[in-house]
Amino acid sequence: MQTFLDLISTDEDILISNENIESFKLLKNKKKYSIIVGPEKSGKSKLAKKFANLHNIELINDIPHNLKFKNDTYLDLNKLPTNEESFFHFLQYFIANDISLTIFTSSSPFSSDIRSKAVPDTLSRLKSFNISNIEQPQDDLLFKLIQKFLKFKSIAVSDNIIECTMNYINRTYVDALNASETINNLLYQNNHNINLSLIKQYYE
């Protein structure tokens, strides 16, 4: 059974599900060195911001030249510069000073294309990190995501509209967002009326 938790009581609720529960647990348990890998629009940055606020952790979005960190830190950077010596020194600083570091990224540093270009010492340091992957959404989460994205636009449609749309899209976070945009546009173009025929006509 798929379960969802409203982690944030704002307009940008994070849906905790089977696809990201391990990452959620990793952050909740405050593991010292961790990597959260997740595809585009999977909520990595929202998780980073939420837990940074919860645990009073510094959140950064780039590799600074001056390494003066004293407290636990989150690095939210989609593409890790594993081929640059500066990134190795950044990692080494935290490990040598026994400071907690969690990295949020879109691509695993151990994927074949990144690994082949990485500084070997950088990969050696990263192998000591706990790693968790946010998986692409399955049907239950995909439905909830489209519903959530529509809610952001103050739009509510019947379940069968969303279910019909799901027949035509891939199981990705980006496709869920695009599907909500499609429904929104069809509503705008058809005087706020929508039906299954319009969905099928658009996609077919």
N, C-alpha and C. Protein backbone atom coordinates (compact mmCIF):
# COMPACT_ATOMS: atom_id res chain seq x y z
N MET A 1 0.85 -1.20 0.00
CA MET A 1 0.00 0.00 0.00
C MET A 1 0.88 1.25 0.00
N GLN A 2 0.51 2.21 -0.83
CA GLN A 2 1.25 3.47 -0.91
C GLN A 2 0.74 4.41 0.19
N THR A 3 1.66 5.02 0.92
CA THR A 3 1.25 5.98 1.94
C THR A 3 1.92 7.31 1.68
N PHE A 4 1.25 8.38 2.06
CA PHE A 4 1.76 9.72 1.86
C PHE A 4 1.68 10.49 3.18
N LEU A 5 2.69 11.27 3.44
CA LEU A 5 2.71 12.12 4.63
C LEU A 5 2.85 13.56 4.21
N ASP A 6 2.02 14.43 4.76
CA ASP A 6 2.21 15.85 4.53
C ASP A 6 3.32 16.33 5.45
N LEU A 7 4.50 16.49 4.90
CA LEU A 7 5.64 16.90 5.71
C LEU A 7 5.60 18.38 5.99
N ILE A 8 5.14 19.16 5.02
CA ILE A 8 5.14 20.61 5.18
C ILE A 8 3.71 21.13 5.10
N SER A 9 3.33 21.95 6.03
CA SER A 9 1.96 22.48 6.03
C SER A 9 1.92 23.85 5.36
N THR A 10 2.46 23.88 4.13
CA THR A 10 2.42 25.10 3.33
C THR A 10 1.92 24.74 1.95
N ASP A 11 2.02 25.69 1.02
CA ASP A 11 1.58 25.42 -0.34
C ASP A 11 2.48 24.44 -1.07
N GLU A 12 3.66 24.18 -0.52
CA GLU A 12 4.60 23.31 -1.21
C GLU A 12 4.84 22.03 -0.40
N ASP A 13 3.74 21.34 -0.12
CA ASP A 13 3.83 20.09 0.62
C ASP A 13 4.74 19.10 -0.08
N ILE A 14 5.53 18.39 0.71
CA ILE A 14 6.36 17.31 0.19
C ILE A 14 5.60 16.02 0.42
N LEU A 15 5.43 15.24 -0.62
CA LEU A 15 4.77 13.96 -0.50
C LEU A 15 5.83 12.90 -0.19
N ILE A 16 5.76 12.34 0.99
CA ILE A 16 6.68 11.27 1.35
C ILE A 16 6.03 9.95 0.97
N SER A 17 6.69 9.18 0.13
CA SER A 17 6.11 7.95 -0.40
C SER A 17 7.19 6.88 -0.49
N ASN A 18 6.84 5.74 -1.07
CA ASN A 18 7.81 4.67 -1.24
C ASN A 18 9.02 5.12 -2.04
N GLU A 19 8.81 6.07 -2.95
CA GLU A 19 9.89 6.50 -3.83
C GLU A 19 10.98 7.31 -3.12
N ASN A 20 10.62 7.97 -2.03
CA ASN A 20 11.63 8.82 -1.37
C ASN A 20 11.74 8.59 0.14
N ILE A 21 11.09 7.54 0.65
CA ILE A 21 11.06 7.33 2.10
C ILE A 21 12.46 7.07 2.67
N GLU A 22 13.32 6.39 1.92
CA GLU A 22 14.66 6.11 2.43
C GLU A 22 15.47 7.39 2.56
N SER A 23 15.31 8.31 1.62
CA SER A 23 15.99 9.60 1.71
C SER A 23 15.47 10.40 2.90
N PHE A 24 14.16 10.35 3.09
CA PHE A 24 13.54 11.02 4.22
C PHE A 24 14.10 10.49 5.55
N LYS A 25 14.22 9.18 5.66
CA LYS A 25 14.76 8.56 6.88
C LYS A 25 16.22 8.95 7.09
N LEU A 26 16.98 8.99 6.00
CA LEU A 26 18.39 9.34 6.10
C LEU A 26 18.56 10.75 6.66
N LEU A 27 17.72 11.68 6.19
CA LEU A 27 17.78 13.05 6.68
C LEU A 27 17.27 13.15 8.12
N LYS A 28 16.23 12.43 8.41
CA LYS A 28 15.66 12.47 9.75
C LYS A 28 16.65 11.94 10.79
N ASN A 29 17.42 10.92 10.41
CA ASN A 29 18.37 10.30 11.33
C ASN A 29 19.70 11.02 11.39
N LYS A 30 19.85 12.07 10.57
CA LYS A 30 21.04 12.94 10.61
C LYS A 30 22.34 12.15 10.48
N LYS A 31 22.41 11.31 9.44
CA LYS A 31 23.65 10.60 9.16
C LYS A 31 24.75 11.62 8.84
N LYS A 32 25.97 11.33 9.25
CA LYS A 32 27.02 12.34 9.19
C LYS A 32 27.39 12.73 7.77
N TYR A 33 27.58 11.74 6.89
CA TYR A 33 27.96 12.02 5.50
C TYR A 33 26.99 11.27 4.59
N SER A 34 26.23 12.02 3.80
CA SER A 34 25.19 11.41 2.98
C SER A 34 25.08 12.08 1.62
N ILE A 35 24.56 11.32 0.67
CA ILE A 35 24.26 11.83 -0.67
C ILE A 35 22.83 11.44 -1.00
N ILE A 36 22.00 12.43 -1.36
CA ILE A 36 20.64 12.19 -1.82
C ILE A 36 20.62 12.44 -3.32
N VAL A 37 20.34 11.40 -4.09
CA VAL A 37 20.30 11.51 -5.55
C VAL A 37 18.86 11.40 -6.00
N GLY A 38 18.41 12.39 -6.77
CA GLY A 38 17.04 12.35 -7.25
C GLY A 38 16.88 13.06 -8.57
N PRO A 39 15.96 12.60 -9.42
CA PRO A 39 15.75 13.23 -10.73
C PRO A 39 15.16 14.63 -10.61
N GLU A 40 15.16 15.33 -11.72
CA GLU A 40 14.63 16.70 -11.78
C GLU A 40 13.18 16.74 -11.28
N LYS A 41 12.88 17.74 -10.46
CA LYS A 41 11.54 17.99 -9.90
C LYS A 41 11.10 16.93 -8.89
N SER A 42 12.05 16.18 -8.35
CA SER A 42 11.69 15.13 -7.39
C SER A 42 11.59 15.64 -5.96
N GLY A 43 11.86 16.93 -5.74
CA GLY A 43 11.69 17.51 -4.41
C GLY A 43 12.95 17.53 -3.56
N LYS A 44 14.11 17.33 -4.18
CA LYS A 44 15.37 17.34 -3.41
C LYS A 44 15.59 18.66 -2.69
N SER A 45 15.40 19.76 -3.42
CA SER A 45 15.65 21.08 -2.82
C SER A 45 14.67 21.39 -1.70
N LYS A 46 13.43 20.93 -1.85
CA LYS A 46 12.44 21.15 -0.79
C LYS A 46 12.80 20.34 0.46
N LEU A 47 13.27 19.11 0.25
CA LEU A 47 13.73 18.32 1.39
C LEU A 47 14.91 19.00 2.08
N ALA A 48 15.84 19.51 1.25
CA ALA A 48 17.02 20.18 1.81
C ALA A 48 16.60 21.39 2.65
N LYS A 49 15.73 22.21 2.12
CA LYS A 49 15.29 23.40 2.83
C LYS A 49 14.54 23.04 4.11
N LYS A 50 13.67 22.04 4.01
CA LYS A 50 12.88 21.66 5.18
C LYS A 50 13.77 21.17 6.32
N PHE A 51 14.67 20.23 6.02
CA PHE A 51 15.50 19.67 7.08
C PHE A 51 16.58 20.63 7.53
N ALA A 52 17.01 21.52 6.63
CA ALA A 52 17.96 22.56 7.06
C ALA A 52 17.32 23.45 8.12
N ASN A 53 16.05 23.78 7.92
CA ASN A 53 15.33 24.60 8.91
C ASN A 53 15.07 23.82 10.20
N LEU A 54 14.71 22.54 10.06
CA LEU A 54 14.40 21.73 11.22
C LEU A 54 15.61 21.55 12.14
N HIS A 55 16.77 21.33 11.52
CA HIS A 55 17.97 20.99 12.29
C HIS A 55 18.98 22.13 12.36
N ASN A 56 18.58 23.31 11.90
CA ASN A 56 19.48 24.47 11.94
C ASN A 56 20.80 24.18 11.22
N ILE A 57 20.68 23.71 10.00
CA ILE A 57 21.84 23.32 9.18
C ILE A 57 22.05 24.35 8.08
N GLU A 58 23.28 24.70 7.83
CA GLU A 58 23.59 25.67 6.77
C GLU A 58 23.36 25.02 5.40
N LEU A 59 22.66 25.73 4.52
CA LEU A 59 22.37 25.24 3.18
C LEU A 59 23.08 26.11 2.16
N ILE A 60 23.92 25.47 1.32
CA ILE A 60 24.65 26.21 0.29
C ILE A 60 24.36 25.62 -1.08
N ASN A 61 24.57 26.43 -2.12
CA ASN A 61 24.26 26.01 -3.49
C ASN A 61 25.46 26.05 -4.43
N ASP A 62 26.65 26.20 -3.87
CA ASP A 62 27.86 26.13 -4.69
C ASP A 62 29.04 25.77 -3.80
N ILE A 63 30.19 25.57 -4.44
CA ILE A 63 31.41 25.24 -3.72
C ILE A 63 32.17 26.53 -3.46
N PRO A 64 32.25 27.02 -2.23
CA PRO A 64 32.93 28.29 -1.95
C PRO A 64 34.44 28.15 -2.03
N HIS A 65 35.10 29.27 -2.29
CA HIS A 65 36.57 29.27 -2.33
C HIS A 65 37.14 29.19 -0.92
N ASN A 66 36.50 29.88 0.02
CA ASN A 66 36.98 29.89 1.40
C ASN A 66 36.20 28.87 2.22
N LEU A 67 36.90 27.91 2.76
CA LEU A 67 36.27 26.86 3.55
C LEU A 67 36.37 27.21 5.02
N LYS A 68 35.30 27.81 5.54
CA LYS A 68 35.28 28.25 6.94
C LYS A 68 34.10 27.66 7.69
N PHE A 69 33.68 26.49 7.29
CA PHE A 69 32.51 25.86 7.91
C PHE A 69 32.86 25.30 9.28
N LYS A 70 31.92 25.47 10.20
CA LYS A 70 32.09 24.92 11.55
C LYS A 70 30.93 24.02 11.93
N ASN A 71 29.80 24.19 11.24
CA ASN A 71 28.60 23.44 11.60
C ASN A 71 28.14 22.55 10.45
N ASP A 72 27.20 21.65 10.75
CA ASP A 72 26.63 20.76 9.75
C ASP A 72 26.18 21.55 8.54
N THR A 73 26.37 20.96 7.34
CA THR A 73 26.11 21.69 6.09
C THR A 73 25.41 20.80 5.08
N TYR A 74 24.49 21.42 4.32
CA TYR A 74 23.87 20.78 3.16
C TYR A 74 24.39 21.47 1.91
N LEU A 75 24.77 20.67 0.91
CA LEU A 75 25.13 21.20 -0.40
C LEU A 75 24.07 20.76 -1.39
N ASP A 76 23.34 21.70 -1.97
CA ASP A 76 22.30 21.41 -2.97
C ASP A 76 22.83 21.86 -4.32
N LEU A 77 23.34 20.90 -5.09
CA LEU A 77 24.00 21.22 -6.36
C LEU A 77 23.70 20.12 -7.35
N ASN A 78 22.94 20.43 -8.39
CA ASN A 78 22.48 19.39 -9.31
C ASN A 78 23.61 18.59 -9.94
N LYS A 79 24.63 19.29 -10.41
CA LYS A 79 25.75 18.61 -11.07
C LYS A 79 27.00 18.78 -10.23
N LEU A 80 27.51 17.70 -9.68
CA LEU A 80 28.68 17.78 -8.83
C LEU A 80 29.96 17.90 -9.66
N PRO A 81 30.86 18.82 -9.31
CA PRO A 81 32.11 18.99 -10.06
C PRO A 81 33.15 17.95 -9.64
N THR A 82 32.84 16.69 -9.86
CA THR A 82 33.73 15.61 -9.40
C THR A 82 35.06 15.59 -10.13
N ASN A 83 35.16 16.30 -11.24
CA ASN A 83 36.41 16.35 -12.01
C ASN A 83 37.31 17.51 -11.59
N GLU A 84 36.89 18.26 -10.58
CA GLU A 84 37.66 19.43 -10.15
C GLU A 84 38.32 19.18 -8.79
N GLU A 85 39.57 19.57 -8.69
CA GLU A 85 40.31 19.40 -7.44
C GLU A 85 39.65 20.16 -6.28
N SER A 86 39.02 21.28 -6.59
CA SER A 86 38.39 22.09 -5.54
C SER A 86 37.30 21.30 -4.81
N PHE A 87 36.62 20.44 -5.54
CA PHE A 87 35.57 19.64 -4.90
C PHE A 87 36.18 18.59 -3.97
N PHE A 88 37.30 18.03 -4.37
CA PHE A 88 38.00 17.09 -3.48
C PHE A 88 38.39 17.79 -2.18
N HIS A 89 38.96 18.99 -2.28
CA HIS A 89 39.37 19.72 -1.09
C HIS A 89 38.18 20.10 -0.22
N PHE A 90 37.05 20.40 -0.88
CA PHE A 90 35.81 20.69 -0.16
C PHE A 90 35.40 19.49 0.68
N LEU A 91 35.36 18.30 0.08
CA LEU A 91 35.00 17.09 0.80
C LEU A 91 35.99 16.79 1.92
N GLN A 92 37.27 16.92 1.59
CA GLN A 92 38.31 16.61 2.56
C GLN A 92 38.22 17.51 3.79
N TYR A 93 37.83 18.76 3.57
CA TYR A 93 37.70 19.71 4.68
C TYR A 93 36.70 19.19 5.71
N PHE A 94 35.53 18.74 5.24
CA PHE A 94 34.49 18.28 6.15
C PHE A 94 34.90 16.99 6.86
N ILE A 95 35.52 16.09 6.10
CA ILE A 95 35.93 14.82 6.70
C ILE A 95 37.05 15.04 7.73
N ALA A 96 38.04 15.84 7.37
CA ALA A 96 39.18 16.09 8.27
C ALA A 96 38.75 16.81 9.54
N ASN A 97 37.72 17.68 9.41
CA ASN A 97 37.27 18.46 10.57
C ASN A 97 36.06 17.82 11.27
N ASP A 98 35.70 16.62 10.82
CA ASP A 98 34.60 15.87 11.44
C ASP A 98 33.31 16.68 11.49
N ILE A 99 32.99 17.34 10.35
CA ILE A 99 31.77 18.15 10.22
C ILE A 99 30.81 17.42 9.28
N SER A 100 29.58 17.33 9.68
CA SER A 100 28.57 16.62 8.89
C SER A 100 28.29 17.33 7.55
N LEU A 101 28.17 16.54 6.50
CA LEU A 101 27.89 17.08 5.16
C LEU A 101 26.89 16.17 4.46
N THR A 102 25.82 16.76 3.94
CA THR A 102 24.86 16.03 3.11
C THR A 102 24.76 16.73 1.76
N ILE A 103 24.86 15.93 0.69
CA ILE A 103 24.85 16.47 -0.68
C ILE A 103 23.56 16.05 -1.37
N PHE A 104 22.92 17.01 -2.02
CA PHE A 104 21.71 16.76 -2.82
C PHE A 104 22.08 16.98 -4.28
N THR A 105 21.85 15.98 -5.13
CA THR A 105 22.28 16.09 -6.52
C THR A 105 21.35 15.31 -7.45
N SER A 106 21.38 15.65 -8.73
CA SER A 106 20.51 14.99 -9.71
C SER A 106 21.14 13.75 -10.33
N SER A 107 22.45 13.63 -10.26
CA SER A 107 23.10 12.48 -10.89
C SER A 107 24.09 11.85 -9.92
N SER A 108 24.09 10.54 -9.88
CA SER A 108 24.97 9.83 -8.98
C SER A 108 26.43 10.03 -9.37
N PRO A 109 27.29 10.36 -8.41
CA PRO A 109 28.71 10.51 -8.73
C PRO A 109 29.36 9.19 -9.13
N PHE A 110 28.61 8.09 -8.96
CA PHE A 110 29.16 6.77 -9.30
C PHE A 110 28.62 6.22 -10.62
N SER A 111 27.84 7.05 -11.34
CA SER A 111 27.39 6.63 -12.67
C SER A 111 28.61 6.56 -13.59
N SER A 112 28.55 5.73 -14.59
CA SER A 112 29.73 5.45 -15.43
C SER A 112 30.27 6.69 -16.12
N ASP A 113 29.39 7.56 -16.62
CA ASP A 113 29.87 8.74 -17.36
C ASP A 113 30.55 9.74 -16.43
N ILE A 114 30.07 9.89 -15.21
CA ILE A 114 30.68 10.82 -14.26
C ILE A 114 31.94 10.21 -13.65
N ARG A 115 31.86 8.93 -13.33
CA ARG A 115 32.98 8.25 -12.69
C ARG A 115 34.23 8.27 -13.57
N SER A 116 34.03 8.16 -14.87
CA SER A 116 35.17 8.10 -15.79
C SER A 116 35.95 9.41 -15.84
N LYS A 117 35.33 10.52 -15.46
CA LYS A 117 35.98 11.82 -15.53
C LYS A 117 36.35 12.37 -14.15
N ALA A 118 35.99 11.66 -13.11
CA ALA A 118 36.15 12.18 -11.75
C ALA A 118 37.59 12.04 -11.27
N VAL A 119 37.95 12.91 -10.35
CA VAL A 119 39.23 12.80 -9.65
C VAL A 119 39.15 11.55 -8.76
N PRO A 120 40.07 10.60 -8.92
CA PRO A 120 39.99 9.34 -8.15
C PRO A 120 39.87 9.55 -6.65
N ASP A 121 40.60 10.51 -6.09
CA ASP A 121 40.53 10.75 -4.65
C ASP A 121 39.15 11.26 -4.23
N THR A 122 38.49 11.97 -5.14
CA THR A 122 37.14 12.45 -4.85
C THR A 122 36.18 11.26 -4.72
N LEU A 123 36.26 10.33 -5.66
CA LEU A 123 35.40 9.14 -5.59
C LEU A 123 35.69 8.33 -4.34
N SER A 124 36.96 8.26 -3.97
CA SER A 124 37.33 7.53 -2.76
C SER A 124 36.65 8.13 -1.53
N ARG A 125 36.61 9.46 -1.46
CA ARG A 125 35.96 10.12 -0.32
C ARG A 125 34.45 9.89 -0.36
N LEU A 126 33.87 9.98 -1.53
CA LEU A 126 32.41 9.84 -1.65
C LEU A 126 31.93 8.43 -1.34
N LYS A 127 32.79 7.45 -1.52
CA LYS A 127 32.41 6.06 -1.23
C LYS A 127 32.13 5.85 0.26
N SER A 128 32.62 6.75 1.09
CA SER A 128 32.37 6.62 2.53
C SER A 128 31.03 7.23 2.94
N PHE A 129 30.34 7.87 1.98
CA PHE A 129 29.06 8.52 2.26
C PHE A 129 27.91 7.52 2.18
N ASN A 130 26.88 7.72 3.02
CA ASN A 130 25.62 7.01 2.83
C ASN A 130 24.95 7.58 1.59
N ILE A 131 24.36 6.73 0.76
CA ILE A 131 23.73 7.21 -0.46
C ILE A 131 22.29 6.70 -0.54
N SER A 132 21.39 7.59 -0.95
CA SER A 132 19.98 7.22 -1.10
C SER A 132 19.46 7.81 -2.40
N ASN A 133 18.70 7.01 -3.13
CA ASN A 133 18.14 7.43 -4.42
C ASN A 133 16.64 7.69 -4.31
N ILE A 134 16.21 8.83 -4.81
CA ILE A 134 14.78 9.10 -4.97
C ILE A 134 14.37 8.52 -6.33
N GLU A 135 13.46 7.59 -6.32
CA GLU A 135 13.06 6.91 -7.55
C GLU A 135 12.00 7.71 -8.29
N GLN A 136 11.89 7.45 -9.60
CA GLN A 136 10.83 8.06 -10.39
C GLN A 136 9.47 7.58 -9.88
N PRO A 137 8.42 8.40 -10.03
CA PRO A 137 7.12 8.06 -9.42
C PRO A 137 6.40 6.91 -10.10
N GLN A 138 5.81 6.06 -9.28
CA GLN A 138 4.88 5.04 -9.77
C GLN A 138 3.48 5.66 -9.82
N ASP A 139 2.51 4.87 -10.22
CA ASP A 139 1.18 5.42 -10.51
C ASP A 139 0.56 6.20 -9.34
N ASP A 140 0.63 5.64 -8.13
CA ASP A 140 -0.01 6.31 -6.99
C ASP A 140 0.59 7.69 -6.76
N LEU A 141 1.92 7.75 -6.76
CA LEU A 141 2.57 9.04 -6.53
C LEU A 141 2.36 9.98 -7.71
N LEU A 142 2.40 9.44 -8.92
CA LEU A 142 2.18 10.27 -10.11
C LEU A 142 0.83 10.98 -10.03
N PHE A 143 -0.19 10.24 -9.64
CA PHE A 143 -1.53 10.82 -9.49
C PHE A 143 -1.51 11.95 -8.46
N LYS A 144 -0.90 11.69 -7.29
CA LYS A 144 -0.84 12.69 -6.23
C LYS A 144 -0.06 13.93 -6.66
N LEU A 145 0.99 13.72 -7.44
CA LEU A 145 1.80 14.85 -7.90
C LEU A 145 1.01 15.75 -8.84
N ILE A 146 0.32 15.16 -9.81
CA ILE A 146 -0.49 15.96 -10.74
C ILE A 146 -1.56 16.72 -9.96
N GLN A 147 -2.17 16.04 -9.03
CA GLN A 147 -3.20 16.67 -8.18
C GLN A 147 -2.60 17.83 -7.39
N LYS A 148 -1.40 17.63 -6.86
CA LYS A 148 -0.74 18.67 -6.07
C LYS A 148 -0.37 19.87 -6.94
N PHE A 149 0.20 19.61 -8.13
CA PHE A 149 0.58 20.70 -9.02
C PHE A 149 -0.65 21.51 -9.45
N LEU A 150 -1.77 20.84 -9.66
CA LEU A 150 -3.01 21.55 -10.01
C LEU A 150 -3.49 22.39 -8.83
N LYS A 151 -3.33 21.85 -7.62
CA LYS A 151 -3.74 22.57 -6.43
C LYS A 151 -2.97 23.88 -6.30
N PHE A 152 -1.69 23.87 -6.68
CA PHE A 152 -0.89 25.09 -6.65
C PHE A 152 -1.52 26.18 -7.50
N LYS A 153 -2.22 25.75 -8.57
CA LYS A 153 -2.87 26.69 -9.48
C LYS A 153 -4.33 26.93 -9.10
N SER A 154 -4.71 26.43 -7.93
CA SER A 154 -6.10 26.52 -7.45
C SER A 154 -7.07 25.83 -8.41
N ILE A 155 -6.65 24.69 -8.93
CA ILE A 155 -7.46 23.92 -9.87
C ILE A 155 -7.80 22.57 -9.26
N ALA A 156 -9.06 22.18 -9.37
CA ALA A 156 -9.49 20.85 -8.95
C ALA A 156 -10.26 20.21 -10.11
N VAL A 157 -9.87 19.02 -10.49
CA VAL A 157 -10.58 18.29 -11.55
C VAL A 157 -10.94 16.91 -11.02
N SER A 158 -11.82 16.23 -11.72
CA SER A 158 -12.22 14.89 -11.29
C SER A 158 -11.06 13.92 -11.45
N ASP A 159 -11.10 12.86 -10.66
CA ASP A 159 -10.02 11.88 -10.69
C ASP A 159 -9.85 11.27 -12.09
N ASN A 160 -10.95 11.08 -12.80
CA ASN A 160 -10.84 10.41 -14.11
C ASN A 160 -10.10 11.27 -15.13
N ILE A 161 -10.10 12.58 -14.96
CA ILE A 161 -9.32 13.46 -15.84
C ILE A 161 -7.83 13.20 -15.64
N ILE A 162 -7.42 13.11 -14.38
CA ILE A 162 -6.01 12.85 -14.08
C ILE A 162 -5.63 11.44 -14.53
N GLU A 163 -6.49 10.48 -14.27
CA GLU A 163 -6.21 9.09 -14.65
C GLU A 163 -6.09 8.94 -16.16
N CYS A 164 -6.94 9.66 -16.88
CA CYS A 164 -6.87 9.61 -18.35
C CYS A 164 -5.56 10.22 -18.84
N THR A 165 -5.18 11.34 -18.25
CA THR A 165 -3.92 11.99 -18.63
C THR A 165 -2.73 11.07 -18.38
N MET A 166 -2.79 10.33 -17.30
CA MET A 166 -1.69 9.43 -16.95
C MET A 166 -1.47 8.34 -17.99
N ASN A 167 -2.49 8.04 -18.77
CA ASN A 167 -2.35 7.02 -19.82
C ASN A 167 -1.40 7.46 -20.93
N TYR A 168 -1.11 8.75 -20.98
CA TYR A 168 -0.34 9.29 -22.11
C TYR A 168 1.04 9.83 -21.71
N ILE A 169 1.41 9.71 -20.45
CA ILE A 169 2.67 10.33 -20.02
C ILE A 169 3.61 9.30 -19.40
N ASN A 170 4.88 9.65 -19.37
CA ASN A 170 5.88 8.80 -18.73
C ASN A 170 5.82 8.98 -17.22
N ARG A 171 6.39 8.03 -16.51
CA ARG A 171 6.40 8.09 -15.05
C ARG A 171 7.63 8.85 -14.58
N THR A 172 7.57 10.16 -14.73
CA THR A 172 8.65 11.02 -14.25
C THR A 172 8.03 12.23 -13.56
N TYR A 173 8.82 12.88 -12.72
CA TYR A 173 8.35 14.07 -12.01
C TYR A 173 8.12 15.22 -12.99
N VAL A 174 8.96 15.32 -13.99
CA VAL A 174 8.81 16.37 -15.00
C VAL A 174 7.52 16.17 -15.78
N ASP A 175 7.21 14.92 -16.12
CA ASP A 175 5.97 14.65 -16.87
C ASP A 175 4.73 14.94 -16.02
N ALA A 176 4.83 14.71 -14.73
CA ALA A 176 3.70 15.04 -13.85
C ALA A 176 3.45 16.54 -13.85
N LEU A 177 4.53 17.32 -13.79
CA LEU A 177 4.39 18.78 -13.84
C LEU A 177 3.83 19.23 -15.18
N ASN A 178 4.36 18.66 -16.27
CA ASN A 178 3.87 19.03 -17.61
C ASN A 178 2.41 18.65 -17.80
N ALA A 179 2.00 17.53 -17.21
CA ALA A 179 0.60 17.10 -17.33
C ALA A 179 -0.32 18.11 -16.66
N SER A 180 0.09 18.64 -15.52
CA SER A 180 -0.73 19.65 -14.85
C SER A 180 -0.82 20.92 -15.70
N GLU A 181 0.27 21.26 -16.38
CA GLU A 181 0.25 22.42 -17.28
C GLU A 181 -0.70 22.18 -18.45
N THR A 182 -0.70 20.97 -18.96
CA THR A 182 -1.60 20.62 -20.07
C THR A 182 -3.05 20.76 -19.65
N ILE A 183 -3.39 20.21 -18.50
CA ILE A 183 -4.77 20.32 -18.00
C ILE A 183 -5.15 21.77 -17.78
N ASN A 184 -4.25 22.54 -17.22
CA ASN A 184 -4.50 23.97 -16.99
C ASN A 184 -4.76 24.69 -18.32
N ASN A 185 -3.92 24.42 -19.33
CA ASN A 185 -4.08 25.07 -20.63
C ASN A 185 -5.39 24.67 -21.32
N LEU A 186 -5.76 23.39 -21.22
CA LEU A 186 -7.01 22.94 -21.83
C LEU A 186 -8.22 23.59 -21.15
N LEU A 187 -8.14 23.76 -19.85
CA LEU A 187 -9.21 24.46 -19.14
C LEU A 187 -9.33 25.91 -19.62
N TYR A 188 -8.18 26.57 -19.77
CA TYR A 188 -8.15 27.97 -20.21
C TYR A 188 -8.71 28.10 -21.62
N GLN A 189 -8.36 27.16 -22.49
CA GLN A 189 -8.78 27.24 -23.89
C GLN A 189 -10.24 26.86 -24.09
N ASN A 190 -10.83 26.20 -23.11
CA ASN A 190 -12.20 25.69 -23.28
C ASN A 190 -13.15 26.20 -22.20
N ASN A 191 -12.95 27.48 -21.86
CA ASN A 191 -13.86 28.14 -20.91
C ASN A 191 -14.02 27.38 -19.61
N HIS A 192 -12.89 26.86 -19.11
CA HIS A 192 -12.84 26.17 -17.82
C HIS A 192 -13.64 24.88 -17.80
N ASN A 193 -13.88 24.33 -18.97
CA ASN A 193 -14.54 23.03 -19.07
C ASN A 193 -13.53 22.02 -19.63
N ILE A 194 -13.56 20.83 -19.09
CA ILE A 194 -12.65 19.80 -19.57
C ILE A 194 -13.33 18.45 -19.47
N ASN A 195 -13.03 17.57 -20.42
CA ASN A 195 -13.58 16.22 -20.39
C ASN A 195 -12.55 15.25 -20.97
N LEU A 196 -12.89 13.98 -20.94
CA LEU A 196 -11.94 12.96 -21.40
C LEU A 196 -11.63 13.09 -22.88
N SER A 197 -12.61 13.52 -23.65
CA SER A 197 -12.40 13.68 -25.10
C SER A 197 -11.33 14.72 -25.39
N LEU A 198 -11.34 15.81 -24.65
CA LEU A 198 -10.33 16.85 -24.84
C LEU A 198 -8.94 16.32 -24.51
N ILE A 199 -8.83 15.54 -23.45
CA ILE A 199 -7.54 14.95 -23.07
C ILE A 199 -7.04 14.03 -24.17
N LYS A 200 -7.91 13.15 -24.64
CA LYS A 200 -7.52 12.19 -25.67
C LYS A 200 -7.16 12.88 -26.96
N GLN A 201 -7.93 13.90 -27.31
CA GLN A 201 -7.67 14.64 -28.55
C GLN A 201 -6.31 15.34 -28.48
N TYR A 202 -5.99 15.89 -27.33
CA TYR A 202 -4.72 16.59 -27.18
C TYR A 202 -3.54 15.64 -27.35
N TYR A 203 -3.59 14.50 -26.70
CA TYR A 203 -2.45 13.59 -26.70
C TYR A 203 -2.37 12.72 -27.94
N GLU A 204 -3.52 12.45 -28.55
CA GLU A 204 -3.51 11.55 -29.71
C GLU A 204 -3.36 12.32 -31.02
